[in-house]
Each structure stands twice: as structure tokens, then as C-alpha cells.
C-alpha atoms as a PDB file:
ATOM      1  CA  MET A   1     -24.022  -3.696-198.499  1.00  0.00           C
ATOM      2  CA  SER A   2     -25.234  -7.019-200.532  1.00  0.00           C
ATOM      3  CA  PHE A   3     -27.750  -7.178-202.255  1.00  0.00           C
ATOM      4  CA  ASP A   4     -30.664  -9.455-201.912  1.00  0.00           C
ATOM      5  CA  PRO A   5     -31.818 -11.625-205.515  1.00  0.00           C
ATOM      6  CA  GLN A   6     -35.515 -12.131-204.056  1.00  0.00           C
ATOM      7  CA  LYS A   7     -36.114  -8.064-204.947  1.00  0.00           C
ATOM      8  CA  PHE A   8     -35.876  -9.404-208.910  1.00  0.00           C
ATOM      9  CA  ILE A   9     -38.771 -11.228-207.925  1.00  0.00           C
ATOM     10  CA  ASP A  10     -40.701  -8.354-206.706  1.00  0.00           C
ATOM     11  CA  ILE A  11     -39.197  -6.303-210.228  1.00  0.00           C
ATOM     12  CA  SER A  12     -40.954  -9.508-211.923  1.00  0.00           C
ATOM     13  CA  LYS A  13     -44.330  -8.554-210.075  1.00  0.00           C
ATOM     14  CA  GLU A  14     -44.402  -4.977-210.620  1.00  0.00           C
ATOM     15  CA  LEU A  15     -43.283  -5.362-214.631  1.00  0.00           C
ATOM     16  CA  GLN A  16     -45.940  -8.070-214.957  1.00  0.00           C
ATOM     17  CA  LEU A  17     -48.756  -5.032-213.314  1.00  0.00           C
ATOM     18  CA  SER A  18     -48.158  -3.250-216.639  1.00  0.00           C
ATOM     19  CA  ALA A  19     -46.973  -5.484-218.631  1.00  0.00           C
ATOM     20  CA  THR A  20     -48.278  -5.734-223.176  1.00  0.00           C
ATOM     21  CA  THR A  21     -45.272  -6.653-224.679  1.00  0.00           C
ATOM     22  CA  GLU A  22     -43.330 -10.254-225.044  1.00  0.00           C
ATOM     23  CA  ALA A  23     -40.279  -8.584-224.556  1.00  0.00           C
ATOM     24  CA  HIS A  24     -42.129  -7.715-220.744  1.00  0.00           C
ATOM     25  CA  TYR A  25     -42.870 -11.191-220.411  1.00  0.00           C
ATOM     26  CA  ARG A  26     -38.927 -12.772-221.308  1.00  0.00           C
ATOM     27  CA  SER A  27     -37.611 -10.100-219.091  1.00  0.00           C
ATOM     28  CA  ILE A  28     -39.864 -11.118-216.455  1.00  0.00           C
ATOM     29  CA  ILE A  29     -39.607 -14.497-216.679  1.00  0.00           C
ATOM     30  CA  ASN A  30     -35.469 -13.881-216.644  1.00  0.00           C
ATOM     31  CA  ARG A  31     -35.952 -12.219-213.190  1.00  0.00           C
ATOM     32  CA  ALA A  32     -38.161 -14.801-211.503  1.00  0.00           C
ATOM     33  CA  TYR A  33     -35.461 -16.977-212.794  1.00  0.00           C
ATOM     34  CA  TYR A  34     -32.589 -15.130-211.450  1.00  0.00           C
ATOM     35  CA  GLY A  35     -34.293 -14.361-208.199  1.00  0.00           C
ATOM     36  CA  ALA A  36     -34.544 -17.772-206.790  1.00  0.00           C
ATOM     37  CA  PHE A  37     -31.330 -18.935-208.534  1.00  0.00           C
ATOM     38  CA  GLY A  38     -29.313 -16.584-206.817  1.00  0.00           C
ATOM     39  CA  HIS A  39     -31.573 -16.684-203.204  1.00  0.00           C
ATOM     40  CA  ILE A  40     -29.756 -20.336-203.223  1.00  0.00           C
ATOM     41  CA  ARG A  41     -27.161 -19.461-204.742  1.00  0.00           C
ATOM     42  CA  ASN A  42     -26.169 -17.226-201.678  1.00  0.00           C
ATOM     43  CA  ASN A  43     -27.080 -19.663-199.583  1.00  0.00           C
ATOM     44  CA  LEU A  44     -25.061 -22.627-200.682  1.00  0.00           C
ATOM     45  CA  GLY A  45     -22.498 -20.482-201.194  1.00  0.00           C
ATOM     46  CA  LEU A  46     -21.322 -22.059-204.803  1.00  0.00           C
ATOM     47  CA  TYR A  47     -19.725 -19.822-206.779  1.00  0.00           C
ATOM     48  CA  VAL A  48     -18.486 -21.874-210.258  1.00  0.00           C
ATOM     49  CA  THR A  49     -16.030 -20.308-212.500  1.00  0.00           C
ATOM     50  CA  LYS A  50     -14.834 -23.446-214.469  1.00  0.00           C
ATOM     51  CA  SER A  51     -18.690 -24.974-215.640  1.00  0.00           C
ATOM     52  CA  SER A  52     -22.032 -24.267-215.287  1.00  0.00           C
ATOM     53  CA  VAL A  53     -22.922 -22.413-211.941  1.00  0.00           C
ATOM     54  CA  HIS A  54     -26.567 -22.559-212.653  1.00  0.00           C
ATOM     55  CA  ARG A  55     -25.966 -26.668-213.117  1.00  0.00           C
ATOM     56  CA  ALA A  56     -23.890 -26.995-210.198  1.00  0.00           C
ATOM     57  CA  VAL A  57     -26.465 -25.628-208.271  1.00  0.00           C
ATOM     58  CA  ILE A  58     -29.909 -27.267-209.827  1.00  0.00           C
ATOM     59  CA  ASP A  59     -27.580 -30.225-208.955  1.00  0.00           C
ATOM     60  CA  ALA A  60     -26.830 -29.103-205.489  1.00  0.00           C
ATOM     61  CA  LEU A  61     -30.199 -29.936-203.963  1.00  0.00           C
ATOM     62  CA  ILE A  62     -30.955 -32.835-206.260  1.00  0.00           C
ATOM     63  CA  ALA A  63     -28.135 -34.424-204.829  1.00  0.00           C
ATOM     64  CA  SER A  64     -29.453 -33.495-201.294  1.00  0.00           C
ATOM     65  CA  THR A  65     -31.240 -35.925-198.622  1.00  0.00           C
ATOM     66  CA  ASP A  66     -33.623 -33.769-197.456  1.00  0.00           C
ATOM     67  CA  LEU A  67     -36.901 -34.305-199.784  1.00  0.00           C
ATOM     68  CA  SER A  68     -38.195 -30.172-200.217  1.00  0.00           C
ATOM     69  CA  LYS A  69     -34.702 -29.364-201.240  1.00  0.00           C
ATOM     70  CA  LYS A  70     -34.906 -32.024-203.602  1.00  0.00           C
ATOM     71  CA  LYS A  71     -37.625 -30.569-204.860  1.00  0.00           C
ATOM     72  CA  ALA A  72     -36.465 -27.361-204.666  1.00  0.00           C
ATOM     73  CA  GLY A  73     -33.872 -28.707-207.686  1.00  0.00           C
ATOM     74  CA  LYS A  74     -35.949 -29.897-209.866  1.00  0.00           C
ATOM     75  CA  LEU A  75     -38.550 -26.786-209.632  1.00  0.00           C
ATOM     76  CA  LEU A  76     -35.357 -25.086-210.291  1.00  0.00           C
ATOM     77  CA  GLU A  77     -34.035 -27.160-213.222  1.00  0.00           C
ATOM     78  CA  THR A  78     -37.578 -26.236-214.775  1.00  0.00           C
ATOM     79  CA  LEU A  79     -37.502 -22.498-214.422  1.00  0.00           C
ATOM     80  CA  PHE A  80     -34.157 -22.568-215.353  1.00  0.00           C
ATOM     81  CA  LYS A  81     -35.031 -24.202-218.882  1.00  0.00           C
ATOM     82  CA  ARG A  82     -37.888 -21.245-219.822  1.00  0.00           C
ATOM     83  CA  ARG A  83     -35.705 -18.991-218.652  1.00  0.00           C
ATOM     84  CA  LYS A  84     -33.382 -20.362-221.707  1.00  0.00           C
ATOM     85  CA  GLN A  85     -36.422 -20.224-224.184  1.00  0.00           C
ATOM     86  CA  ALA A  86     -37.035 -16.472-222.689  1.00  0.00           C
ATOM     87  CA  ASP A  87     -33.729 -15.827-223.296  1.00  0.00           C
ATOM     88  CA  TYR A  88     -32.685 -17.352-225.886  1.00  0.00           C
ATOM     89  CA  GLU A  89     -35.292 -19.178-228.060  1.00  0.00           C
ATOM     90  CA  HIS A  90     -36.413 -16.140-230.376  1.00  0.00           C
ATOM     91  CA  ARG A  91     -38.413 -17.749-232.791  1.00  0.00           C
ATOM     92  CA  THR A  92     -40.814 -19.295-230.215  1.00  0.00           C
ATOM     93  CA  GLU A  93     -43.901 -16.845-228.648  1.00  0.00           C
ATOM     94  CA  ILE A  94     -43.951 -16.449-224.997  1.00  0.00           C
ATOM     95  CA  ARG A  95     -47.101 -16.220-223.431  1.00  0.00           C
ATOM     96  CA  ALA A  96     -48.388 -13.949-220.834  1.00  0.00           C
ATOM     97  CA  HIS A  97     -49.796 -16.559-218.721  1.00  0.00           C
ATOM     98  CA  ASN A  98     -46.359 -18.210-218.738  1.00  0.00           C
ATOM     99  CA  CYS A  99     -45.737 -15.235-216.502  1.00  0.00           C
ATOM    100  CA  GLU A 100     -47.667 -15.853-213.619  1.00  0.00           C
ATOM    101  CA  HIS A 101     -46.826 -19.664-213.014  1.00  0.00           C
ATOM    102  CA  CYS A 102     -42.993 -18.416-213.414  1.00  0.00           C
ATOM    103  CA  ILE A 103     -43.372 -16.322-210.375  1.00  0.00           C
ATOM    104  CA  ASN A 104     -45.132 -18.568-208.767  1.00  0.00           C
ATOM    105  CA  GLN A 105     -42.857 -21.470-209.003  1.00  0.00           C
ATOM    106  CA  ALA A 106     -39.388 -18.670-208.188  1.00  0.00           C
ATOM    107  CA  GLU A 107     -41.670 -18.123-204.824  1.00  0.00           C
ATOM    108  CA  GLU A 108     -42.062 -22.389-204.493  1.00  0.00           C
ATOM    109  CA  ILE A 109     -38.509 -22.895-204.965  1.00  0.00           C
ATOM    110  CA  ILE A 110     -37.252 -20.534-202.320  1.00  0.00           C
ATOM    111  CA  LYS A 111     -40.385 -21.697-200.081  1.00  0.00           C
ATOM    112  CA  LEU A 112     -38.612 -25.680-200.221  1.00  0.00           C
ATOM    113  CA  PHE A 113     -35.910 -24.561-200.370  1.00  0.00           C
ATOM    114  CA  ASP A 114     -35.688 -22.631-196.762  1.00  0.00           C
ATOM    115  CA  SER A 115     -37.750 -24.747-195.201  1.00  0.00           C
END
């Protein structure tokens, strides 16, 4: 059975209900990004091994002639930057209000991609 990456967004929402620490906030952003990214990567069938698959997915969307996919690519690029900040920039504080925005953005990216 294959896994639906959108379930990561569900996990983000569940975590958000009880989030009280920066570790929670960082995890929420991470899972929201991977929910949107995984859904799109799977649907595009992009499985790059020699360079960044994240960059390949974002670039494929931005290069699309479909305006919804192009917009999804730009939003995914922004969410990717936020995910990297949450995962790697430990001296930068991540606040609770960023989480809801990232979850909403992930859901919007999927809607734009699927339309």
C-alpha cells in the first residue's frame, strides 16, 4: 500500500492543537511542507538522485505554462525556505503563528496544483 503524503498535513494540524514548544512549531512546518511537496512530487513522477529533488519539483512548477501550477511553485518555494529555516536555522526563533500560515499555504499549494 502506498502512503499519501497529504497525511503529513493532517499530522501538522494535530500537532498544532497541542503545540507549546519551538520543537513542536518546527515539526509542524516541516510536516506541512513535506505534505505538499510529496503530493506534488508523486504526481509529477520526479525522482531525482543527482541533484535536489526539491529544486527539481519547484522548478518544474515555476516553468509550467499553467498559471495555477506556476503560482503553486512559487508558494512551494517560499514554504521550502520556511521548512529549511525551521530545520536548520536553530538560532532563529520560530513562533506559533507561523505554523497556521504554513499549514494553510501547504493546503493552498495542493489546491492550485490539483486544479
